[in-house]
C-alpha cells in the first residue's frame, strides 16, 4: 500500500515538473540520450565479445570430448 501511495506521489510530482520546466527537461534529454545510446552500444559490444568467446570455448570442449571418446574406443579394441 505504501508503494502505491509513493508511486502516485512520484507521478504527480513528475507531471508537475514536466509542465513547469519543459525546456529544462529537453536539455536533460538532449544530454542523456546520446550518453545512453553510447553506453548501450558499449554493452552490446561486450555482450558480443563474450558470446564469441563462449562459442570458441564450447567448440574446444566439444573437440576435447570427441578426442577423448575416440582414444577410449581405440584403447578398448
N, C-alpha and C. Protein backbone atom coordinates (compact mmCIF):
# COMPACT_ATOMS: atom_id res chain seq x y z
N UNK A 1 0.82 -1.19 0.00
CA UNK A 1 0.00 0.00 0.00
C UNK A 1 0.87 1.25 0.00
N UNK A 2 1.95 1.21 0.75
CA UNK A 2 2.85 2.36 0.82
C UNK A 2 3.52 2.63 -0.51
N UNK A 3 3.85 1.53 -1.24
CA UNK A 3 4.48 1.71 -2.55
C UNK A 3 3.50 2.36 -3.54
N UNK A 4 2.25 2.00 -3.44
CA UNK A 4 1.24 2.59 -4.32
C UNK A 4 1.09 4.08 -4.06
N UNK A 5 1.02 4.45 -2.81
CA UNK A 5 0.90 5.88 -2.47
C UNK A 5 2.15 6.63 -2.89
N UNK A 6 3.32 6.04 -2.63
CA UNK A 6 4.57 6.66 -3.04
C UNK A 6 4.66 6.81 -4.55
N UNK A 7 4.17 5.82 -5.28
CA UNK A 7 4.17 5.89 -6.74
C UNK A 7 3.26 6.98 -7.26
N UNK A 8 2.10 7.11 -6.67
CA UNK A 8 1.15 8.16 -7.07
C UNK A 8 1.76 9.54 -6.82
N UNK A 9 2.38 9.71 -5.66
CA UNK A 9 3.02 11.00 -5.34
C UNK A 9 4.15 11.29 -6.33
N UNK A 10 4.95 10.27 -6.66
CA UNK A 10 6.05 10.48 -7.60
C UNK A 10 5.54 10.87 -8.99
N UNK A 11 4.44 10.24 -9.44
CA UNK A 11 3.87 10.58 -10.75
C UNK A 11 3.36 12.02 -10.75
N UNK A 12 2.68 12.41 -9.69
CA UNK A 12 2.15 13.78 -9.61
C UNK A 12 3.29 14.80 -9.62
N UNK A 13 4.31 14.55 -8.82
CA UNK A 13 5.46 15.48 -8.80
C UNK A 13 6.15 15.51 -10.16
N UNK A 14 6.28 14.34 -10.80
CA UNK A 14 6.90 14.29 -12.13
C UNK A 14 6.12 15.06 -13.18
N UNK A 15 4.81 14.92 -13.17
CA UNK A 15 3.97 15.65 -14.14
C UNK A 15 4.06 17.15 -13.88
N UNK A 16 4.04 17.54 -12.61
CA UNK A 16 4.17 18.97 -12.30
C UNK A 16 5.51 19.50 -12.80
N UNK A 17 6.57 18.72 -12.60
CA UNK A 17 7.89 19.14 -13.07
C UNK A 17 7.96 19.26 -14.58
N UNK A 18 7.32 18.33 -15.29
CA UNK A 18 7.32 18.39 -16.76
C UNK A 18 6.56 19.62 -17.24
N UNK A 19 5.44 19.93 -16.59
CA UNK A 19 4.64 21.07 -17.00
C UNK A 19 5.34 22.39 -16.68
N UNK A 20 6.00 22.47 -15.53
CA UNK A 20 6.62 23.73 -15.11
C UNK A 20 7.96 23.99 -15.79
N UNK A 21 8.72 22.92 -16.11
CA UNK A 21 10.06 23.09 -16.68
C UNK A 21 10.27 22.26 -17.95
N UNK A 22 9.48 22.49 -18.98
CA UNK A 22 9.62 21.66 -20.19
C UNK A 22 10.95 21.89 -20.91
N UNK A 23 11.46 23.11 -20.89
CA UNK A 23 12.73 23.35 -21.59
C UNK A 23 13.89 22.69 -20.85
N UNK A 24 13.85 22.69 -19.53
CA UNK A 24 14.88 22.00 -18.77
C UNK A 24 14.85 20.50 -19.02
N UNK A 25 13.65 19.97 -19.16
CA UNK A 25 13.52 18.55 -19.48
C UNK A 25 14.16 18.23 -20.82
N UNK A 26 13.94 19.08 -21.81
CA UNK A 26 14.54 18.86 -23.13
C UNK A 26 16.06 18.95 -23.07
N UNK A 27 16.59 19.84 -22.27
CA UNK A 27 18.05 19.96 -22.13
C UNK A 27 18.62 18.67 -21.53
N UNK A 28 17.95 18.15 -20.52
CA UNK A 28 18.41 16.90 -19.89
C UNK A 28 18.34 15.75 -20.89
N UNK A 29 17.26 15.67 -21.66
CA UNK A 29 17.12 14.61 -22.65
C UNK A 29 18.19 14.72 -23.73
N UNK A 30 18.46 15.95 -24.18
CA UNK A 30 19.49 16.14 -25.20
C UNK A 30 20.85 15.68 -24.71
N UNK A 31 21.11 15.82 -23.43
CA UNK A 31 22.39 15.40 -22.89
C UNK A 31 22.45 13.93 -22.53
N UNK A 32 21.32 13.37 -22.11
CA UNK A 32 21.36 12.00 -21.62
C UNK A 32 21.11 10.95 -22.70
N UNK A 33 20.35 11.26 -23.72
CA UNK A 33 20.05 10.27 -24.75
C UNK A 33 21.31 9.82 -25.50
N UNK A 34 22.18 10.72 -25.97
CA UNK A 34 23.40 10.24 -26.62
C UNK A 34 24.29 9.41 -25.69
N UNK A 35 24.33 9.78 -24.43
CA UNK A 35 25.11 9.01 -23.47
C UNK A 35 24.53 7.61 -23.30
N UNK A 36 23.22 7.52 -23.20
CA UNK A 36 22.58 6.20 -23.06
C UNK A 36 22.80 5.35 -24.31
N UNK A 37 22.75 5.96 -25.49
CA UNK A 37 22.98 5.22 -26.72
C UNK A 37 24.42 4.70 -26.77
N UNK A 38 25.38 5.54 -26.40
CA UNK A 38 26.79 5.13 -26.41
C UNK A 38 27.03 4.01 -25.40
N UNK A 39 26.47 4.13 -24.21
CA UNK A 39 26.66 3.08 -23.21
C UNK A 39 25.95 1.79 -23.62
N UNK A 40 24.79 1.91 -24.25
CA UNK A 40 24.09 0.73 -24.75
C UNK A 40 24.89 0.03 -25.84
N UNK A 41 25.51 0.81 -26.71
CA UNK A 41 26.36 0.22 -27.75
C UNK A 41 27.57 -0.48 -27.15
N UNK A 42 28.17 0.13 -26.14
CA UNK A 42 29.30 -0.49 -25.46
C UNK A 42 28.89 -1.80 -24.81
N UNK A 43 27.73 -1.82 -24.20
CA UNK A 43 27.22 -3.05 -23.59
C UNK A 43 26.98 -4.13 -24.65
N UNK A 44 26.46 -3.74 -25.81
CA UNK A 44 26.24 -4.70 -26.89
C UNK A 44 27.56 -5.27 -27.41
N UNK A 45 28.59 -4.43 -27.50
CA UNK A 45 29.90 -4.90 -27.93
C UNK A 45 30.45 -5.91 -26.93
N UNK A 46 30.35 -5.60 -25.65
CA UNK A 46 30.85 -6.52 -24.62
C UNK A 46 30.08 -7.84 -24.66
N UNK A 47 28.77 -7.78 -24.84
CA UNK A 47 27.96 -9.00 -24.92
C UNK A 47 28.35 -9.82 -26.15
N UNK A 48 28.62 -9.17 -27.27
CA UNK A 48 29.02 -9.88 -28.48
C UNK A 48 30.36 -10.56 -28.31
N UNK A 49 31.32 -9.88 -27.71
CA UNK A 49 32.64 -10.47 -27.49
C UNK A 49 32.53 -11.67 -26.55
N UNK A 50 31.74 -11.54 -25.50
CA UNK A 50 31.54 -12.64 -24.57
C UNK A 50 30.90 -13.84 -25.26
N UNK A 51 29.94 -13.58 -26.13
CA UNK A 51 29.28 -14.65 -26.87
C UNK A 51 30.27 -15.38 -27.78
N UNK A 52 31.12 -14.62 -28.45
CA UNK A 52 32.12 -15.23 -29.33
C UNK A 52 33.10 -16.08 -28.51
N UNK A 53 33.55 -15.56 -27.37
CA UNK A 53 34.46 -16.33 -26.52
C UNK A 53 33.79 -17.60 -26.02
N UNK A 54 32.52 -17.53 -25.65
CA UNK A 54 31.82 -18.71 -25.16
C UNK A 54 31.68 -19.77 -26.26
N UNK A 55 31.39 -19.34 -27.48
CA UNK A 55 31.25 -20.31 -28.57
C UNK A 55 32.59 -20.96 -28.90
N UNK A 56 33.68 -20.20 -28.84
CA UNK A 56 35.01 -20.77 -29.07
C UNK A 56 35.33 -21.79 -27.98
N UNK A 57 35.04 -21.46 -26.74
CA UNK A 57 35.29 -22.37 -25.62
C UNK A 57 34.45 -23.64 -25.75
N UNK A 58 33.19 -23.50 -26.18
CA UNK A 58 32.32 -24.67 -26.35
C UNK A 58 32.86 -25.58 -27.45
N UNK A 59 33.37 -25.00 -28.54
CA UNK A 59 33.94 -25.81 -29.61
C UNK A 59 35.18 -26.56 -29.13
N UNK A 60 36.01 -25.89 -28.32
CA UNK A 60 37.21 -26.56 -27.78
C UNK A 60 36.82 -27.74 -26.90
N UNK A 61 35.83 -27.52 -26.03
CA UNK A 61 35.39 -28.60 -25.15
C UNK A 61 34.80 -29.76 -25.94
N UNK A 62 34.06 -29.44 -26.99
CA UNK A 62 33.46 -30.48 -27.82
C UNK A 62 34.55 -31.29 -28.52
N UNK A 63 35.58 -30.62 -29.04
CA UNK A 63 36.68 -31.32 -29.69
C UNK A 63 37.43 -32.20 -28.70
N UNK A 64 37.66 -31.70 -27.48
CA UNK A 64 38.34 -32.49 -26.47
C UNK A 64 37.52 -33.72 -26.10
N UNK A 65 36.21 -33.56 -26.02
CA UNK A 65 35.34 -34.68 -25.69
C UNK A 65 35.38 -35.73 -26.79
N UNK A 66 35.39 -35.27 -28.05
CA UNK A 66 35.45 -36.20 -29.16
C UNK A 66 36.79 -36.92 -29.19
N UNK A 67 37.86 -36.22 -28.91
CA UNK A 67 39.19 -36.84 -28.92
C UNK A 67 39.31 -37.86 -27.79
N UNK A 68 38.79 -37.52 -26.62
CA UNK A 68 38.89 -38.45 -25.50
C UNK A 68 38.01 -39.68 -25.73
N UNK A 69 36.85 -39.50 -26.34
CA UNK A 69 35.99 -40.66 -26.60
C UNK A 69 36.57 -41.52 -27.71
N UNK A 70 37.23 -40.92 -28.69
CA UNK A 70 37.84 -41.73 -29.76
C UNK A 70 39.08 -42.45 -29.25
N UNK A 71 39.83 -41.84 -28.34
CA UNK A 71 41.00 -42.53 -27.78
C UNK A 71 40.57 -43.65 -26.84
N UNK A 72 39.47 -43.49 -26.14
CA UNK A 72 38.96 -44.54 -25.27
C UNK A 72 38.47 -45.73 -26.09
N UNK A 73 37.80 -45.46 -27.21
CA UNK A 73 37.28 -46.54 -28.04
C UNK A 73 38.42 -47.28 -28.73
N UNK A 74 39.50 -46.60 -29.06
CA UNK A 74 40.65 -47.27 -29.69
C UNK A 74 41.43 -48.09 -28.67
N UNK A 75 41.40 -47.72 -27.41
CA UNK A 75 42.10 -48.46 -26.36
C UNK A 75 41.35 -49.75 -26.06
N UNK A 76 40.03 -49.77 -26.17
CA UNK A 76 39.25 -50.97 -25.85
C UNK A 76 39.33 -52.00 -26.98
N UNK A 77 39.76 -51.61 -28.14
CA UNK A 77 39.83 -52.55 -29.28
C UNK A 77 41.01 -53.41 -29.21
